[in-house]
Amino acid sequence: VQLAESGGGLVQPGESLRLSCAASGSIFSINTMGWYRQAPGKERELVATITHGGYENYADSMKGRFTISRDNAKNTVYLQMNNLKPEDTAVYYCNAGVIFTSRAYVEVWGQGTLVTVSL
């Protein structure tokens, strides 16, 4: 299974970005999918998660600005980020709890996509 992230880039404060993460491979189903981020010199932190049924969970600092969503038919999770701030600058990682066609369960990480918020 591979998680392919896209949508990162350089934006100015106050602008928006939408990240996408598509899972591919011998997938039977995907449980929770989520986004995490790691800023320079800091530990990786939770941004948001969403269950297969659509229950969303956000880190307190992201509530109101970030929205997570998913398309189960496409095995894809999205992160809409609005009103971006310089402190949102980080590498954003996608995470998925994948159930393979063999019924094995593995937690998979993407390679990360860089988001830079700067004037």
Protein backbone atom coordinates (compact mmCIF):
# COMPACT_ATOMS: atom_id res chain seq x y z
CA VAL A 1 0.00 0.00 0.00
CA GLN A 2 1.17 3.49 -0.82
CA LEU A 3 -0.14 6.84 0.36
CA ALA A 4 0.41 9.57 -2.21
CA GLU A 5 0.12 13.08 -0.80
CA SER A 6 -0.27 16.22 -2.86
CA GLY A 7 -1.27 19.86 -2.53
CA GLY A 8 1.52 21.32 -0.46
CA GLY A 9 3.33 24.49 -1.42
CA LEU A 10 4.19 28.06 -0.56
CA VAL A 11 1.37 30.41 0.38
CA GLN A 12 1.03 33.76 2.09
CA PRO A 13 -0.59 34.22 5.50
CA GLY A 14 -4.36 34.19 5.27
CA GLU A 15 -4.45 32.03 2.15
CA SER A 16 -5.77 28.48 1.80
CA LEU A 17 -4.48 25.11 0.67
CA ARG A 18 -6.10 21.73 0.16
CA LEU A 19 -4.04 18.62 0.75
CA SER A 20 -4.97 15.25 -0.71
CA CYS A 21 -3.80 11.77 0.15
CA ALA A 22 -4.76 8.77 -1.95
CA ALA A 23 -4.13 5.19 -0.86
CA SER A 24 -3.45 2.52 -3.44
CA GLY A 25 -2.76 -1.20 -3.35
CA SER A 26 -4.53 -4.38 -2.28
CA ILE A 27 -6.92 -2.57 0.03
CA PHE A 28 -10.02 -4.15 1.49
CA SER A 29 -10.96 -1.17 3.64
CA ILE A 30 -9.44 1.74 5.51
CA ASN A 31 -10.33 2.56 9.10
CA THR A 32 -9.24 5.91 10.45
CA MET A 33 -7.34 8.28 8.17
CA GLY A 34 -5.59 11.37 9.39
CA TRP A 35 -3.15 14.18 8.97
CA TYR A 36 -0.19 14.95 11.19
CA ARG A 37 2.47 17.61 10.86
CA GLN A 38 6.03 18.18 11.92
CA ALA A 39 7.53 21.65 12.07
CA PRO A 40 11.29 22.20 12.03
CA GLY A 41 12.78 21.29 15.38
CA LYS A 42 9.49 20.02 16.76
CA GLU A 43 7.84 16.67 17.27
CA ARG A 44 5.17 15.32 14.94
CA GLU A 45 1.71 16.37 16.11
CA LEU A 46 -1.87 15.49 15.32
CA VAL A 47 -3.76 17.75 12.96
CA ALA A 48 -7.00 15.84 12.41
CA THR A 49 -8.42 12.36 11.95
CA ILE A 50 -11.57 10.97 10.40
CA THR A 51 -13.11 7.54 10.80
CA HIS A 52 -14.54 5.42 7.99
CA GLY A 53 -17.98 6.57 9.09
CA GLY A 54 -17.01 10.23 8.96
CA TYR A 55 -16.41 11.11 12.62
CA GLU A 56 -13.91 13.97 12.72
CA ASN A 57 -11.40 14.81 15.42
CA TYR A 58 -9.16 17.88 15.47
CA ALA A 59 -6.31 19.20 17.51
CA ASP A 60 -7.59 22.20 19.44
CA SER A 61 -5.37 24.67 17.57
CA MET A 62 -6.74 23.52 14.21
CA LYS A 63 -10.44 23.73 15.01
CA GLY A 64 -12.29 26.27 12.90
CA ARG A 65 -9.55 26.70 10.29
CA PHE A 66 -8.92 23.14 9.09
CA THR A 67 -11.45 20.66 7.76
CA ILE A 68 -10.78 16.99 7.16
CA SER A 69 -12.88 14.91 4.79
CA ARG A 70 -12.62 11.63 2.92
CA ASP A 71 -13.93 9.78 -0.08
CA ASN A 72 -14.14 6.11 0.84
CA ALA A 73 -14.76 5.05 -2.76
CA LYS A 74 -11.46 6.65 -3.76
CA ASN A 75 -9.55 5.73 -0.56
CA THR A 76 -8.66 9.39 -0.31
CA VAL A 77 -8.49 11.85 2.56
CA TYR A 78 -8.40 15.61 2.23
CA LEU A 79 -7.37 18.49 4.45
CA GLN A 80 -8.76 21.92 3.68
CA MET A 81 -6.65 24.55 5.42
CA ASN A 82 -7.94 28.10 5.59
CA ASN A 83 -6.51 31.30 7.02
CA LEU A 84 -3.05 29.80 7.13
CA LYS A 85 -0.51 31.24 9.53
CA PRO A 86 3.29 31.16 9.52
CA GLU A 87 3.17 28.74 12.46
CA ASP A 88 1.35 26.26 10.22
CA THR A 89 4.59 25.81 8.28
CA ALA A 90 5.48 22.13 8.50
CA VAL A 91 5.71 18.85 6.66
CA TYR A 92 2.23 17.35 6.64
CA TYR A 93 1.95 13.57 6.78
CA CYS A 94 -0.99 11.39 5.86
CA ASN A 95 -1.77 8.33 7.97
CA ALA A 96 -4.16 5.45 7.36
CA GLY A 97 -5.19 2.28 9.13
CA VAL A 98 -5.39 -0.13 6.20
CA ILE A 99 -7.06 -3.52 6.09
CA PHE A 100 -5.62 -5.50 3.23
CA THR A 101 -7.51 -8.02 1.11
CA SER A 102 -5.66 -10.63 3.17
CA ARG A 103 -7.40 -9.07 6.23
CA ALA A 104 -4.05 -8.03 7.65
CA TYR A 105 -4.08 -4.61 9.32
CA VAL A 106 -1.23 -2.12 8.95
CA GLU A 107 -0.85 1.52 9.85
CA VAL A 108 0.68 3.31 6.88
CA TRP A 109 2.35 6.74 6.57
CA GLY A 110 2.81 8.92 3.54
CA GLN A 111 6.10 10.53 2.60
CA GLY A 112 4.97 14.00 3.62
CA THR A 113 4.21 17.21 1.77
CA LEU A 114 5.72 20.55 2.71
CA VAL A 115 3.50 23.51 3.51
CA THR A 116 5.24 26.87 3.86
CA VAL A 117 3.34 29.95 4.98
CA SER A 118 5.38 33.09 4.46
CA LEU A 119 5.22 36.57 2.98
